[in-house]
Amino acid sequence: MKNPSIYLKMKVLGAIDVAPGRTRDERVRNVAEMTFLDEEGNQYRFTWRTIQTWWVVSCVTQQSVMQLRKERSSDSFAECAINS
């Protein structure tokens, strides 16, 4: 099996939000029972552990990006003199 595309991973992660279940863990396990189609029409099923790993990695990545946006230098919006 080839590595799934980012598109397919996003479809799987998006399914967690609408899957039945009271907790995130229940929803992830319900998503693991679903079959997903990639761009070429191939069917995929993923284990709950794989889906949970993708979810954790996506959260860490989002937090890292948000942290980078917050940490601007003090002069990032200061006006600069342009020498002509």
C-alpha atoms as a PDB file:
ATOM      1  CA  MET A   1       0.000   0.000   0.000  1.00  0.00           C
ATOM      2  CA  LYS A   2       1.369   3.415  -0.943  1.00  0.00           C
ATOM      3  CA  ASN A   3       1.399   6.316   1.469  1.00  0.00           C
ATOM      4  CA  PRO A   4      -1.943   8.139   1.613  1.00  0.00           C
ATOM      5  CA  SER A   5      -2.098  11.645   0.211  1.00  0.00           C
ATOM      6  CA  ILE A   6      -2.559  14.743   2.337  1.00  0.00           C
ATOM      7  CA  TYR A   7      -6.043  15.056   0.815  1.00  0.00           C
ATOM      8  CA  LEU A   8      -6.997  11.599   2.091  1.00  0.00           C
ATOM      9  CA  LYS A   9      -5.551  12.286   5.548  1.00  0.00           C
ATOM     10  CA  MET A  10      -7.580  15.502   5.753  1.00  0.00           C
ATOM     11  CA  LYS A  11     -10.751  13.608   4.795  1.00  0.00           C
ATOM     12  CA  VAL A  12     -10.086  11.114   7.588  1.00  0.00           C
ATOM     13  CA  LEU A  13      -9.315  13.812  10.150  1.00  0.00           C
ATOM     14  CA  GLY A  14     -12.399  15.764   9.102  1.00  0.00           C
ATOM     15  CA  ALA A  15     -14.530  12.675   9.638  1.00  0.00           C
ATOM     16  CA  ILE A  16     -13.566  12.693  13.334  1.00  0.00           C
ATOM     17  CA  ASP A  17     -15.558  15.901  13.844  1.00  0.00           C
ATOM     18  CA  VAL A  18     -18.802  14.404  12.538  1.00  0.00           C
ATOM     19  CA  ALA A  19     -18.404  10.790  13.684  1.00  0.00           C
ATOM     20  CA  PRO A  20     -20.733   9.468  16.380  1.00  0.00           C
ATOM     21  CA  GLY A  21     -19.322   9.199  19.884  1.00  0.00           C
ATOM     22  CA  ARG A  22     -19.159  11.155  23.109  1.00  0.00           C
ATOM     23  CA  THR A  23     -15.374  11.335  23.356  1.00  0.00           C
ATOM     24  CA  ARG A  24     -12.650  11.933  20.800  1.00  0.00           C
ATOM     25  CA  ASP A  25     -11.399   8.385  21.359  1.00  0.00           C
ATOM     26  CA  GLU A  26     -14.837   6.936  20.531  1.00  0.00           C
ATOM     27  CA  ARG A  27     -15.063   9.077  17.404  1.00  0.00           C
ATOM     28  CA  VAL A  28     -11.579   8.029  16.252  1.00  0.00           C
ATOM     29  CA  ARG A  29     -12.504   4.356  16.703  1.00  0.00           C
ATOM     30  CA  ASN A  30     -15.713   4.883  14.726  1.00  0.00           C
ATOM     31  CA  VAL A  31     -13.772   6.570  11.916  1.00  0.00           C
ATOM     32  CA  ALA A  32     -11.427   3.571  11.855  1.00  0.00           C
ATOM     33  CA  GLU A  33     -14.399   1.427  10.798  1.00  0.00           C
ATOM     34  CA  MET A  34     -15.076   3.625   7.757  1.00  0.00           C
ATOM     35  CA  THR A  35     -13.720   3.184   4.240  1.00  0.00           C
ATOM     36  CA  PHE A  36     -12.301   6.189   2.411  1.00  0.00           C
ATOM     37  CA  LEU A  37     -11.643   6.776  -1.282  1.00  0.00           C
ATOM     38  CA  ASP A  38      -8.578   8.586  -2.551  1.00  0.00           C
ATOM     39  CA  GLU A  39      -8.392  10.784  -5.667  1.00  0.00           C
ATOM     40  CA  GLU A  40      -7.930   7.742  -7.911  1.00  0.00           C
ATOM     41  CA  GLY A  41     -10.863   5.804  -6.450  1.00  0.00           C
ATOM     42  CA  ASN A  42      -8.788   3.383  -4.346  1.00  0.00           C
ATOM     43  CA  GLN A  43     -10.357   2.298  -1.065  1.00  0.00           C
ATOM     44  CA  TYR A  44      -8.510   2.706   2.219  1.00  0.00           C
ATOM     45  CA  ARG A  45      -9.172   1.769   5.828  1.00  0.00           C
ATOM     46  CA  PHE A  46      -6.922   2.915   8.619  1.00  0.00           C
ATOM     47  CA  THR A  47      -6.431   1.634  12.160  1.00  0.00           C
ATOM     48  CA  TRP A  48      -7.530   3.823  15.036  1.00  0.00           C
ATOM     49  CA  ARG A  49      -3.877   4.125  16.079  1.00  0.00           C
ATOM     50  CA  THR A  50      -2.883   5.528  12.697  1.00  0.00           C
ATOM     51  CA  ILE A  51      -5.755   8.028  12.758  1.00  0.00           C
ATOM     52  CA  GLN A  52      -4.912   9.054  16.311  1.00  0.00           C
ATOM     53  CA  THR A  53      -1.268   9.611  15.324  1.00  0.00           C
ATOM     54  CA  TRP A  54      -2.323  11.828  12.415  1.00  0.00           C
ATOM     55  CA  TRP A  55      -4.604  13.794  14.739  1.00  0.00           C
ATOM     56  CA  VAL A  56      -1.847  14.370  17.310  1.00  0.00           C
ATOM     57  CA  VAL A  57       0.668  15.393  14.637  1.00  0.00           C
ATOM     58  CA  SER A  58      -1.831  17.829  13.104  1.00  0.00           C
ATOM     59  CA  CYS A  59      -2.502  19.410  16.509  1.00  0.00           C
ATOM     60  CA  VAL A  60       1.193  19.772  17.279  1.00  0.00           C
ATOM     61  CA  THR A  61       1.790  21.300  13.846  1.00  0.00           C
ATOM     62  CA  GLN A  62      -1.064  23.781  14.307  1.00  0.00           C
ATOM     63  CA  GLN A  63       0.245  24.792  17.733  1.00  0.00           C
ATOM     64  CA  SER A  64       3.754  25.265  16.335  1.00  0.00           C
ATOM     65  CA  VAL A  65       2.470  27.502  13.554  1.00  0.00           C
ATOM     66  CA  MET A  66       0.395  29.533  15.996  1.00  0.00           C
ATOM     67  CA  GLN A  67       3.416  29.909  18.283  1.00  0.00           C
ATOM     68  CA  LEU A  68       5.559  31.098  15.381  1.00  0.00           C
ATOM     69  CA  ARG A  69       2.945  33.699  14.494  1.00  0.00           C
ATOM     70  CA  LYS A  70       2.903  34.989  18.070  1.00  0.00           C
ATOM     71  CA  GLU A  71       6.686  35.291  18.355  1.00  0.00           C
ATOM     72  CA  ARG A  72       7.396  38.299  16.166  1.00  0.00           C
ATOM     73  CA  SER A  73      10.340  40.497  16.793  1.00  0.00           C
ATOM     74  CA  SER A  74       9.718  43.822  18.480  1.00  0.00           C
ATOM     75  CA  ASP A  75      10.577  45.741  15.315  1.00  0.00           C
ATOM     76  CA  SER A  76       8.626  43.584  12.862  1.00  0.00           C
ATOM     77  CA  PHE A  77       6.140  46.376  12.158  1.00  0.00           C
ATOM     78  CA  ALA A  78       8.534  49.277  12.485  1.00  0.00           C
ATOM     79  CA  GLU A  79       9.003  51.544   9.510  1.00  0.00           C
ATOM     80  CA  CYS A  80      12.229  51.079   7.585  1.00  0.00           C
ATOM     81  CA  ALA A  81      14.221  53.747   5.812  1.00  0.00           C
ATOM     82  CA  ILE A  82      14.668  52.934   2.158  1.00  0.00           C
ATOM     83  CA  ASN A  83      17.849  54.236   0.578  1.00  0.00           C
ATOM     84  CA  SER A  84      17.351  55.342  -3.001  1.00  0.00           C
END
